[in-house]
């Protein structure tokens, strides 16, 4: 069973506006509407970097999985009308895969401990409707080709009812993997040194704000998270990074190993789902829950 895909730092999401009657025309151009139940409309535009023919045939499925994944993450939160532009590619990379926003931006012009507090451009746009990255792509997602060939694409990721290939076939649920990488692009991301926990001189992310390091382990200490979980959440510190929950070999809480944002591994033939813990952690990162 391969380890959980790694991801990078930084962040940014796309441009906000209502599409309304233009939806059908935009679908032809590769745009898909992801309508949030609270009335906000978030359109997703996926563009593809040049890729081999074996991967080109999967472009419709990739586009749908990314769009539905964005919609799934939005469900618990109050968001603004916006357009998220995702750039997708396949390229050799030993860490297997990544999802990240291209830029970060100031979070409410706030400072914490003398450092400028930043948020993912994605989060900023979802919260405010303002695009800090203009016309440029908002989110980058790419996978190593060998790893990408292990992914199984659900014929209907909205319902997730189709039989998943069993573990013997050594396939990972593509929707799970894409959900995970979108999670990084919209909030699970920071700038701390992976070995020491030390922050850069001038800034920290909204995720970093609630992270502590005791010399061995990273913990997430956000107030909403502790209210839900009852204590700080153990984060990954080896093999992957502290942008994930749970550490391989630590059995204090086995549920962290099956969390969508776990830092241990995804199992063959298994679907993973966004958990209340994930939602609580994003709430601590500045997202406002729906009433």
C-alpha atoms as a PDB file:
ATOM      1  CA  UNK A   1       0.000   0.000   0.000  1.00  0.00           C
ATOM      2  CA  UNK A   2       1.633   3.268  -1.075  1.00  0.00           C
ATOM      3  CA  UNK A   3       2.010   6.152   1.378  1.00  0.00           C
ATOM      4  CA  UNK A   4      -0.301   9.129   1.312  1.00  0.00           C
ATOM      5  CA  UNK A   5       0.581  11.606  -1.456  1.00  0.00           C
ATOM      6  CA  UNK A   6       2.696  14.511  -0.267  1.00  0.00           C
ATOM      7  CA  UNK A   7       1.974  18.135  -1.021  1.00  0.00           C
ATOM      8  CA  UNK A   8       3.659  21.509  -1.100  1.00  0.00           C
ATOM      9  CA  UNK A   9       3.326  24.884   0.599  1.00  0.00           C
ATOM     10  CA  UNK A  10       1.569  28.019  -0.689  1.00  0.00           C
ATOM     11  CA  UNK A  11      -1.874  28.620  -2.040  1.00  0.00           C
ATOM     12  CA  UNK A  12      -4.502  30.353  -4.213  1.00  0.00           C
ATOM     13  CA  UNK A  13      -8.037  29.881  -5.644  1.00  0.00           C
ATOM     14  CA  UNK A  14      -9.861  31.391  -8.626  1.00  0.00           C
ATOM     15  CA  UNK A  15     -12.076  34.293  -9.668  1.00  0.00           C
ATOM     16  CA  UNK A  16     -15.586  34.886  -8.251  1.00  0.00           C
ATOM     17  CA  UNK A  17     -18.760  35.664 -10.149  1.00  0.00           C
ATOM     18  CA  UNK A  18     -22.207  34.232 -10.933  1.00  0.00           C
ATOM     19  CA  UNK A  19     -22.563  32.256 -14.181  1.00  0.00           C
ATOM     20  CA  UNK A  20     -26.348  31.771 -14.210  1.00  0.00           C
ATOM     21  CA  UNK A  21     -27.653  31.345 -17.747  1.00  0.00           C
ATOM     22  CA  UNK A  22     -24.131  30.931 -19.157  1.00  0.00           C
ATOM     23  CA  UNK A  23     -23.699  27.552 -17.496  1.00  0.00           C
ATOM     24  CA  UNK A  24     -24.467  25.364 -20.511  1.00  0.00           C
ATOM     25  CA  UNK A  25     -22.141  27.343 -22.765  1.00  0.00           C
ATOM     26  CA  UNK A  26     -19.343  27.266 -20.203  1.00  0.00           C
ATOM     27  CA  UNK A  27     -19.669  23.514 -19.814  1.00  0.00           C
ATOM     28  CA  UNK A  28     -18.575  23.181 -23.412  1.00  0.00           C
ATOM     29  CA  UNK A  29     -15.469  25.181 -22.605  1.00  0.00           C
ATOM     30  CA  UNK A  30     -14.540  22.962 -19.671  1.00  0.00           C
ATOM     31  CA  UNK A  31     -16.335  24.866 -16.890  1.00  0.00           C
ATOM     32  CA  UNK A  32     -18.590  23.036 -14.441  1.00  0.00           C
ATOM     33  CA  UNK A  33     -20.872  24.656 -11.888  1.00  0.00           C
ATOM     34  CA  UNK A  34     -20.497  23.481  -8.307  1.00  0.00           C
ATOM     35  CA  UNK A  35     -23.517  24.951  -6.555  1.00  0.00           C
ATOM     36  CA  UNK A  36     -23.276  25.315  -2.790  1.00  0.00           C
ATOM     37  CA  UNK A  37     -26.578  24.641  -1.026  1.00  0.00           C
ATOM     38  CA  UNK A  38     -26.576  28.052   0.713  1.00  0.00           C
ATOM     39  CA  UNK A  39     -27.060  29.915  -2.566  1.00  0.00           C
ATOM     40  CA  UNK A  40     -23.466  30.667  -3.504  1.00  0.00           C
ATOM     41  CA  UNK A  41     -22.300  29.467  -6.897  1.00  0.00           C
ATOM     42  CA  UNK A  42     -18.731  28.314  -7.356  1.00  0.00           C
ATOM     43  CA  UNK A  43     -17.655  27.485 -10.874  1.00  0.00           C
ATOM     44  CA  UNK A  44     -14.636  25.287 -11.487  1.00  0.00           C
ATOM     45  CA  UNK A  45     -12.476  25.557 -14.567  1.00  0.00           C
ATOM     46  CA  UNK A  46      -9.892  22.809 -15.070  1.00  0.00           C
ATOM     47  CA  UNK A  47      -7.101  23.285 -17.585  1.00  0.00           C
ATOM     48  CA  UNK A  48      -4.662  20.545 -18.489  1.00  0.00           C
ATOM     49  CA  UNK A  49      -0.954  20.754 -19.107  1.00  0.00           C
ATOM     50  CA  UNK A  50       0.193  18.662 -22.107  1.00  0.00           C
ATOM     51  CA  UNK A  51      -0.026  14.977 -21.277  1.00  0.00           C
ATOM     52  CA  UNK A  52       0.364  11.586 -22.935  1.00  0.00           C
ATOM     53  CA  UNK A  53      -2.610  10.094 -24.826  1.00  0.00           C
ATOM     54  CA  UNK A  54      -3.190   7.459 -22.116  1.00  0.00           C
ATOM     55  CA  UNK A  55      -3.947  10.288 -19.684  1.00  0.00           C
ATOM     56  CA  UNK A  56      -5.766  12.563 -22.134  1.00  0.00           C
ATOM     57  CA  UNK A  57      -8.659  10.109 -22.356  1.00  0.00           C
ATOM     58  CA  UNK A  58      -9.230  10.567 -18.622  1.00  0.00           C
ATOM     59  CA  UNK A  59      -9.612  14.330 -18.809  1.00  0.00           C
ATOM     60  CA  UNK A  60     -13.455  14.353 -18.526  1.00  0.00           C
ATOM     61  CA  UNK A  61     -13.277  12.124 -15.425  1.00  0.00           C
ATOM     62  CA  UNK A  62     -10.471  14.204 -13.892  1.00  0.00           C
ATOM     63  CA  UNK A  63     -12.445  17.404 -14.466  1.00  0.00           C
ATOM     64  CA  UNK A  64     -15.581  15.963 -12.868  1.00  0.00           C
ATOM     65  CA  UNK A  65     -13.707  14.551  -9.873  1.00  0.00           C
ATOM     66  CA  UNK A  66     -12.013  17.895  -9.185  1.00  0.00           C
ATOM     67  CA  UNK A  67     -15.278  19.819  -9.511  1.00  0.00           C
ATOM     68  CA  UNK A  68     -17.223  17.502  -7.208  1.00  0.00           C
ATOM     69  CA  UNK A  69     -14.352  17.521  -4.709  1.00  0.00           C
ATOM     70  CA  UNK A  70     -14.393  21.324  -4.520  1.00  0.00           C
ATOM     71  CA  UNK A  71     -18.149  21.216  -3.995  1.00  0.00           C
ATOM     72  CA  UNK A  72     -17.804  18.623  -1.239  1.00  0.00           C
ATOM     73  CA  UNK A  73     -15.359  20.760   0.729  1.00  0.00           C
ATOM     74  CA  UNK A  74     -17.662  23.786   0.405  1.00  0.00           C
ATOM     75  CA  UNK A  75     -20.783  22.153   1.811  1.00  0.00           C
ATOM     76  CA  UNK A  76     -20.232  23.003   5.500  1.00  0.00           C
ATOM     77  CA  UNK A  77     -19.113  26.597   4.914  1.00  0.00           C
ATOM     78  CA  UNK A  78     -20.561  29.954   3.926  1.00  0.00           C
ATOM     79  CA  UNK A  79     -18.764  30.916   0.710  1.00  0.00           C
ATOM     80  CA  UNK A  80     -19.049  33.623  -1.924  1.00  0.00           C
ATOM     81  CA  UNK A  81     -19.812  33.263  -5.616  1.00  0.00           C
ATOM     82  CA  UNK A  82     -16.512  32.498  -7.287  1.00  0.00           C
ATOM     83  CA  UNK A  83     -14.631  30.729 -10.034  1.00  0.00           C
ATOM     84  CA  UNK A  84     -11.801  28.391  -9.099  1.00  0.00           C
ATOM     85  CA  UNK A  85      -9.254  27.736 -11.817  1.00  0.00           C
ATOM     86  CA  UNK A  86      -7.332  24.490 -11.422  1.00  0.00           C
ATOM     87  CA  UNK A  87      -4.267  23.583 -13.476  1.00  0.00           C
ATOM     88  CA  UNK A  88      -3.744  19.819 -13.709  1.00  0.00           C
ATOM     89  CA  UNK A  89      -0.727  17.923 -14.953  1.00  0.00           C
ATOM     90  CA  UNK A  90       1.132  14.619 -14.973  1.00  0.00           C
ATOM     91  CA  UNK A  91       4.887  14.821 -14.358  1.00  0.00           C
ATOM     92  CA  UNK A  92       7.564  12.739 -12.713  1.00  0.00           C
ATOM     93  CA  UNK A  93       7.906  13.507  -9.035  1.00  0.00           C
ATOM     94  CA  UNK A  94       9.140  11.178  -6.292  1.00  0.00           C
ATOM     95  CA  UNK A  95       6.577  12.481  -3.779  1.00  0.00           C
ATOM     96  CA  UNK A  96       3.839  11.117  -6.082  1.00  0.00           C
ATOM     97  CA  UNK A  97       1.338  13.953  -6.041  1.00  0.00           C
ATOM     98  CA  UNK A  98       0.484  17.415  -4.821  1.00  0.00           C
ATOM     99  CA  UNK A  99      -2.308  19.920  -4.546  1.00  0.00           C
ATOM    100  CA  UNK A 100      -1.565  23.519  -3.657  1.00  0.00           C
ATOM    101  CA  UNK A 101      -2.710  27.046  -4.273  1.00  0.00           C
ATOM    102  CA  UNK A 102      -0.297  29.195  -6.239  1.00  0.00           C
ATOM    103  CA  UNK A 103      -0.274  32.170  -3.831  1.00  0.00           C
ATOM    104  CA  UNK A 104      -0.992  33.159  -0.265  1.00  0.00           C
ATOM    105  CA  UNK A 105      -2.418  36.486   0.863  1.00  0.00           C
ATOM    106  CA  UNK A 106      -2.863  38.473   4.053  1.00  0.00           C
ATOM    107  CA  UNK A 107      -5.543  37.238   6.432  1.00  0.00           C
ATOM    108  CA  UNK A 108      -7.528  40.281   7.564  1.00  0.00           C
ATOM    109  CA  UNK A 109      -4.272  42.301   7.833  1.00  0.00           C
ATOM    110  CA  UNK A 110      -3.592  40.496  11.100  1.00  0.00           C
ATOM    111  CA  UNK A 111      -0.305  39.916  12.909  1.00  0.00           C
ATOM    112  CA  UNK A 112       0.371  37.144  15.438  1.00  0.00           C
ATOM    113  CA  UNK A 113       3.527  37.230  17.552  1.00  0.00           C
ATOM    114  CA  UNK A 114       4.906  39.911  15.257  1.00  0.00           C
ATOM    115  CA  UNK A 115       4.391  37.829  12.100  1.00  0.00           C
ATOM    116  CA  UNK A 116       1.986  38.593   9.265  1.00  0.00           C
ATOM    117  CA  UNK A 117      -0.858  36.073   9.204  1.00  0.00           C
ATOM    118  CA  UNK A 118      -1.547  34.653   5.732  1.00  0.00           C
ATOM    119  CA  UNK A 119      -4.192  32.402   4.213  1.00  0.00           C
ATOM    120  CA  UNK A 120      -4.453  30.388   1.054  1.00  0.00           C
ATOM    121  CA  UNK A 121      -5.534  32.487  -1.900  1.00  0.00           C
ATOM    122  CA  UNK A 122      -8.212  29.835  -2.307  1.00  0.00           C
ATOM    123  CA  UNK A 123      -9.569  30.436   1.155  1.00  0.00           C
ATOM    124  CA  UNK A 124      -9.483  34.198   0.651  1.00  0.00           C
ATOM    125  CA  UNK A 125     -11.509  33.972  -2.516  1.00  0.00           C
ATOM    126  CA  UNK A 126     -14.030  31.550  -1.089  1.00  0.00           C
ATOM    127  CA  UNK A 127     -14.510  33.753   1.961  1.00  0.00           C
ATOM    128  CA  UNK A 128     -14.547  37.167   0.263  1.00  0.00           C
ATOM    129  CA  UNK A 129     -15.183  36.672  -3.454  1.00  0.00           C
ATOM    130  CA  UNK A 130     -11.961  38.579  -4.183  1.00  0.00           C
ATOM    131  CA  UNK A 131      -9.358  36.898  -6.372  1.00  0.00           C
ATOM    132  CA  UNK A 132      -5.801  37.662  -5.199  1.00  0.00           C
ATOM    133  CA  UNK A 133      -4.319  35.929  -8.246  1.00  0.00           C
ATOM    134  CA  UNK A 134      -6.222  37.693 -11.050  1.00  0.00           C
ATOM    135  CA  UNK A 135      -6.546  35.742 -14.281  1.00  0.00           C
ATOM    136  CA  UNK A 136      -3.786  33.263 -13.469  1.00  0.00           C
ATOM    137  CA  UNK A 137      -4.524  29.661 -12.411  1.00  0.00           C
ATOM    138  CA  UNK A 138      -5.511  29.385  -8.780  1.00  0.00           C
ATOM    139  CA  UNK A 139      -4.712  25.812  -7.816  1.00  0.00           C
ATOM    140  CA  UNK A 140      -2.013  23.491  -9.070  1.00  0.00           C
ATOM    141  CA  UNK A 141      -2.493  19.735  -8.947  1.00  0.00           C
ATOM    142  CA  UNK A 142      -0.230  17.137 -10.472  1.00  0.00           C
ATOM    143  CA  UNK A 143       0.719  13.487 -10.051  1.00  0.00           C
ATOM    144  CA  UNK A 144       3.616  11.254 -10.889  1.00  0.00           C
ATOM    145  CA  UNK A 145       2.588   9.029 -13.851  1.00  0.00           C
ATOM    146  CA  UNK A 146       3.385   5.749 -12.066  1.00  0.00           C
ATOM    147  CA  UNK A 147       1.317   6.760  -9.065  1.00  0.00           C
ATOM    148  CA  UNK A 148      -1.485   8.155 -11.233  1.00  0.00           C
ATOM    149  CA  UNK A 149      -1.905   4.776 -12.924  1.00  0.00           C
ATOM    150  CA  UNK A 150      -2.934   3.310  -9.557  1.00  0.00           C
ATOM    151  CA  UNK A 151      -5.997   5.579  -9.371  1.00  0.00           C
ATOM    152  CA  UNK A 152      -9.507   4.269 -10.028  1.00  0.00           C
ATOM    153  CA  UNK A 153     -12.018   6.853 -11.267  1.00  0.00           C
ATOM    154  CA  UNK A 154     -15.538   6.503  -9.929  1.00  0.00           C
ATOM    155  CA  UNK A 155     -18.173   6.532 -12.710  1.00  0.00           C
ATOM    156  CA  UNK A 156     -20.268   8.838 -10.495  1.00  0.00           C
ATOM    157  CA  UNK A 157     -18.218  10.625  -7.817  1.00  0.00           C
ATOM    158  CA  UNK A 158     -21.323  12.524  -6.670  1.00  0.00           C
ATOM    159  CA  UNK A 159     -23.018   9.373  -5.385  1.00  0.00           C
ATOM    160  CA  UNK A 160     -19.976   7.182  -4.677  1.00  0.00           C
ATOM    161  CA  UNK A 161     -22.063   4.022  -4.926  1.00  0.00           C
ATOM    162  CA  UNK A 162     -20.173   2.063  -7.605  1.00  0.00           C
ATOM    163  CA  UNK A 163     -18.183  -0.950  -6.386  1.00  0.00           C
ATOM    164  CA  UNK A 164     -14.574  -0.015  -5.666  1.00  0.00           C
ATOM    165  CA  UNK A 165     -11.915  -2.430  -6.989  1.00  0.00           C
ATOM    166  CA  UNK A 166     -10.869  -4.739  -4.189  1.00  0.00           C
ATOM    167  CA  UNK A 167      -7.478  -4.444  -2.516  1.00  0.00           C
ATOM    168  CA  UNK A 168      -6.017  -7.259  -4.623  1.00  0.00           C
ATOM    169  CA  UNK A 169      -6.265  -5.030  -7.696  1.00  0.00           C
ATOM    170  CA  UNK A 170      -4.086  -2.390  -5.967  1.00  0.00           C
ATOM    171  CA  UNK A 171      -6.180   0.609  -6.960  1.00  0.00           C
ATOM    172  CA  UNK A 172      -6.704   3.793  -4.951  1.00  0.00           C
ATOM    173  CA  UNK A 173      -9.951   5.726  -5.079  1.00  0.00           C
ATOM    174  CA  UNK A 174      -9.133   8.755  -7.256  1.00  0.00           C
ATOM    175  CA  UNK A 175     -11.850  10.872  -5.675  1.00  0.00           C
ATOM    176  CA  UNK A 176     -10.331  10.298  -2.230  1.00  0.00           C
ATOM    177  CA  UNK A 177      -6.895  11.364  -3.469  1.00  0.00           C
ATOM    178  CA  UNK A 178      -8.251  14.466  -5.230  1.00  0.00           C
ATOM    179  CA  UNK A 179     -10.342  15.438  -2.179  1.00  0.00           C
ATOM    180  CA  UNK A 180      -7.177  15.195  -0.109  1.00  0.00           C
ATOM    181  CA  UNK A 181      -5.159  17.419  -2.435  1.00  0.00           C
ATOM    182  CA  UNK A 182      -7.928  20.024  -2.639  1.00  0.00           C
ATOM    183  CA  UNK A 183      -7.844  20.048   1.173  1.00  0.00           C
ATOM    184  CA  UNK A 184      -4.222  21.161   1.031  1.00  0.00           C
ATOM    185  CA  UNK A 185      -4.981  23.806  -1.560  1.00  0.00           C
ATOM    186  CA  UNK A 186      -7.714  25.398   0.563  1.00  0.00           C
ATOM    187  CA  UNK A 187      -6.184  25.294   4.023  1.00  0.00           C
ATOM    188  CA  UNK A 188      -4.052  22.383   5.212  1.00  0.00           C
ATOM    189  CA  UNK A 189      -0.785  24.155   4.502  1.00  0.00           C
ATOM    190  CA  UNK A 190       1.976  26.029   6.278  1.00  0.00           C
ATOM    191  CA  UNK A 191       5.541  27.268   6.298  1.00  0.00           C
ATOM    192  CA  UNK A 192       7.133  25.703   9.371  1.00  0.00           C
ATOM    193  CA  UNK A 193      10.441  23.883   9.137  1.00  0.00           C
ATOM    194  CA  UNK A 194       9.533  20.196   8.940  1.00  0.00           C
ATOM    195  CA  UNK A 195      12.319  19.179  11.352  1.00  0.00           C
ATOM    196  CA  UNK A 196      12.294  21.997  13.892  1.00  0.00           C
ATOM    197  CA  UNK A 197       8.860  23.601  13.642  1.00  0.00           C
ATOM    198  CA  UNK A 198      10.484  27.030  13.268  1.00  0.00           C
ATOM    199  CA  UNK A 199       8.555  29.640  11.268  1.00  0.00           C
ATOM    200  CA  UNK A 200       9.971  32.131   8.745  1.00  0.00           C
ATOM    201  CA  UNK A 201      10.899  35.543  10.170  1.00  0.00           C
ATOM    202  CA  UNK A 202       7.966  37.549   8.835  1.00  0.00           C
ATOM    203  CA  UNK A 203       4.907  35.371   8.289  1.00  0.00           C
ATOM    204  CA  UNK A 204       2.856  32.322   9.228  1.00  0.00           C
ATOM    205  CA  UNK A 205      -0.233  30.685   7.730  1.00  0.00           C
ATOM    206  CA  UNK A 206      -3.599  30.475   9.454  1.00  0.00           C
ATOM    207  CA  UNK A 207      -2.850  26.756   9.797  1.00  0.00           C
ATOM    208  CA  UNK A 208       0.584  27.466  11.329  1.00  0.00           C
ATOM    209  CA  UNK A 209      -1.070  29.732  13.875  1.00  0.00           C
ATOM    210  CA  UNK A 210      -2.454  26.722  15.745  1.00  0.00           C
ATOM    211  CA  UNK A 211       0.511  24.348  15.317  1.00  0.00           C
ATOM    212  CA  UNK A 212       2.977  23.599  18.105  1.00  0.00           C
ATOM    213  CA  UNK A 213       6.093  21.408  18.117  1.00  0.00           C
ATOM    214  CA  UNK A 214       7.428  19.717  21.265  1.00  0.00           C
ATOM    215  CA  UNK A 215      10.758  18.658  19.799  1.00  0.00           C
ATOM    216  CA  UNK A 216       9.339  15.414  18.406  1.00  0.00           C
ATOM    217  CA  UNK A 217       5.675  15.797  17.517  1.00  0.00           C
ATOM    218  CA  UNK A 218       3.590  18.470  15.842  1.00  0.00           C
ATOM    219  CA  UNK A 219       0.112  19.209  17.218  1.00  0.00           C
ATOM    220  CA  UNK A 220      -2.822  21.265  15.959  1.00  0.00           C
ATOM    221  CA  UNK A 221      -4.332  23.304  18.805  1.00  0.00           C
ATOM    222  CA  UNK A 222      -7.135  25.324  17.196  1.00  0.00           C
ATOM    223  CA  UNK A 223     -10.048  26.151  19.536  1.00  0.00           C
ATOM    224  CA  UNK A 224     -12.750  24.659  17.299  1.00  0.00           C
ATOM    225  CA  UNK A 225     -10.625  21.571  16.809  1.00  0.00           C
ATOM    226  CA  UNK A 226     -10.049  21.069  20.542  1.00  0.00           C
ATOM    227  CA  UNK A 227     -13.746  21.683  21.191  1.00  0.00           C
ATOM    228  CA  UNK A 228     -14.591  18.878  18.766  1.00  0.00           C
ATOM    229  CA  UNK A 229     -11.666  16.524  19.440  1.00  0.00           C
ATOM    230  CA  UNK A 230     -11.172  17.237  23.131  1.00  0.00           C
ATOM    231  CA  UNK A 231      -7.418  17.816  22.889  1.00  0.00           C
ATOM    232  CA  UNK A 232      -4.704  18.884  20.423  1.00  0.00           C
ATOM    233  CA  UNK A 233      -4.509  16.724  17.298  1.00  0.00           C
ATOM    234  CA  UNK A 234      -1.317  14.802  16.566  1.00  0.00           C
ATOM    235  CA  UNK A 235       0.132  15.726  13.166  1.00  0.00           C
ATOM    236  CA  UNK A 236       2.554  13.846  10.920  1.00  0.00           C
ATOM    237  CA  UNK A 237       6.276  14.512  11.296  1.00  0.00           C
ATOM    238  CA  UNK A 238       8.019  11.739   9.319  1.00  0.00           C
ATOM    239  CA  UNK A 239       7.671  10.498   5.732  1.00  0.00           C
ATOM    240  CA  UNK A 240       5.026  13.093   4.983  1.00  0.00           C
ATOM    241  CA  UNK A 241       4.629  16.432   6.822  1.00  0.00           C
ATOM    242  CA  UNK A 242       2.695  18.311   9.472  1.00  0.00           C
ATOM    243  CA  UNK A 243      -0.017  19.327   7.005  1.00  0.00           C
ATOM    244  CA  UNK A 244      -1.535  15.900   7.717  1.00  0.00           C
ATOM    245  CA  UNK A 245      -3.149  14.399  10.816  1.00  0.00           C
ATOM    246  CA  UNK A 246      -1.734  11.302  12.484  1.00  0.00           C
ATOM    247  CA  UNK A 247       1.732   9.806  12.599  1.00  0.00           C
ATOM    248  CA  UNK A 248       2.597   6.362  11.278  1.00  0.00           C
ATOM    249  CA  UNK A 249       3.158   3.899  14.101  1.00  0.00           C
ATOM    250  CA  UNK A 250       1.383   6.017  16.703  1.00  0.00           C
ATOM    251  CA  UNK A 251      -1.650   4.078  17.919  1.00  0.00           C
ATOM    252  CA  UNK A 252      -3.001   6.577  20.441  1.00  0.00           C
ATOM    253  CA  UNK A 253      -5.904   7.334  18.111  1.00  0.00           C
ATOM    254  CA  UNK A 254      -6.435   4.833  15.252  1.00  0.00           C
ATOM    255  CA  UNK A 255      -9.187   7.054  13.798  1.00  0.00           C
ATOM    256  CA  UNK A 256      -6.546   9.497  12.547  1.00  0.00           C
ATOM    257  CA  UNK A 257      -5.270   6.786  10.194  1.00  0.00           C
ATOM    258  CA  UNK A 258      -8.609   6.767   8.383  1.00  0.00           C
ATOM    259  CA  UNK A 259      -9.120  10.536   8.270  1.00  0.00           C
ATOM    260  CA  UNK A 260      -9.283  12.171   4.844  1.00  0.00           C
ATOM    261  CA  UNK A 261      -6.268  14.323   5.720  1.00  0.00           C
ATOM    262  CA  UNK A 262      -4.261  11.541   7.334  1.00  0.00           C
ATOM    263  CA  UNK A 263      -0.467  11.488   7.056  1.00  0.00           C
ATOM    264  CA  UNK A 264      -0.115   7.725   7.129  1.00  0.00           C
ATOM    265  CA  UNK A 265      -1.452   6.131   3.947  1.00  0.00           C
ATOM    266  CA  UNK A 266      -4.511   5.435   1.858  1.00  0.00           C
ATOM    267  CA  UNK A 267      -5.493   1.801   1.617  1.00  0.00           C
ATOM    268  CA  UNK A 268      -6.145   0.026  -1.654  1.00  0.00           C
ATOM    269  CA  UNK A 269      -9.824  -0.271  -2.556  1.00  0.00           C
ATOM    270  CA  UNK A 270     -11.133   2.050   0.160  1.00  0.00           C
ATOM    271  CA  UNK A 271     -13.133   5.280   0.028  1.00  0.00           C
ATOM    272  CA  UNK A 272     -12.291   8.051   2.473  1.00  0.00           C
ATOM    273  CA  UNK A 273     -14.584  10.900   3.490  1.00  0.00           C
ATOM    274  CA  UNK A 274     -14.199  14.422   4.856  1.00  0.00           C
ATOM    275  CA  UNK A 275     -14.592  14.158   8.622  1.00  0.00           C
ATOM    276  CA  UNK A 276     -15.934  16.516  11.306  1.00  0.00           C
ATOM    277  CA  UNK A 277     -12.327  16.851  12.466  1.00  0.00           C
ATOM    278  CA  UNK A 278     -11.281  18.156   9.034  1.00  0.00           C
ATOM    279  CA  UNK A 279     -14.143  20.662   9.117  1.00  0.00           C
ATOM    280  CA  UNK A 280     -13.203  21.827  12.613  1.00  0.00           C
ATOM    281  CA  UNK A 281      -9.599  22.384  11.544  1.00  0.00           C
ATOM    282  CA  UNK A 282     -10.656  24.459   8.535  1.00  0.00           C
ATOM    283  CA  UNK A 283     -12.959  26.448  10.807  1.00  0.00           C
ATOM    284  CA  UNK A 284      -9.905  27.335  12.874  1.00  0.00           C
ATOM    285  CA  UNK A 285      -8.239  28.433   9.635  1.00  0.00           C
ATOM    286  CA  UNK A 286     -10.881  31.114   9.068  1.00  0.00           C
ATOM    287  CA  UNK A 287     -13.762  29.432   7.265  1.00  0.00           C
ATOM    288  CA  UNK A 288     -17.204  30.341   8.603  1.00  0.00           C
ATOM    289  CA  UNK A 289     -19.664  27.497   9.033  1.00  0.00           C
ATOM    290  CA  UNK A 290     -23.187  27.773   7.736  1.00  0.00           C
ATOM    291  CA  UNK A 291     -25.885  28.453  10.310  1.00  0.00           C
END
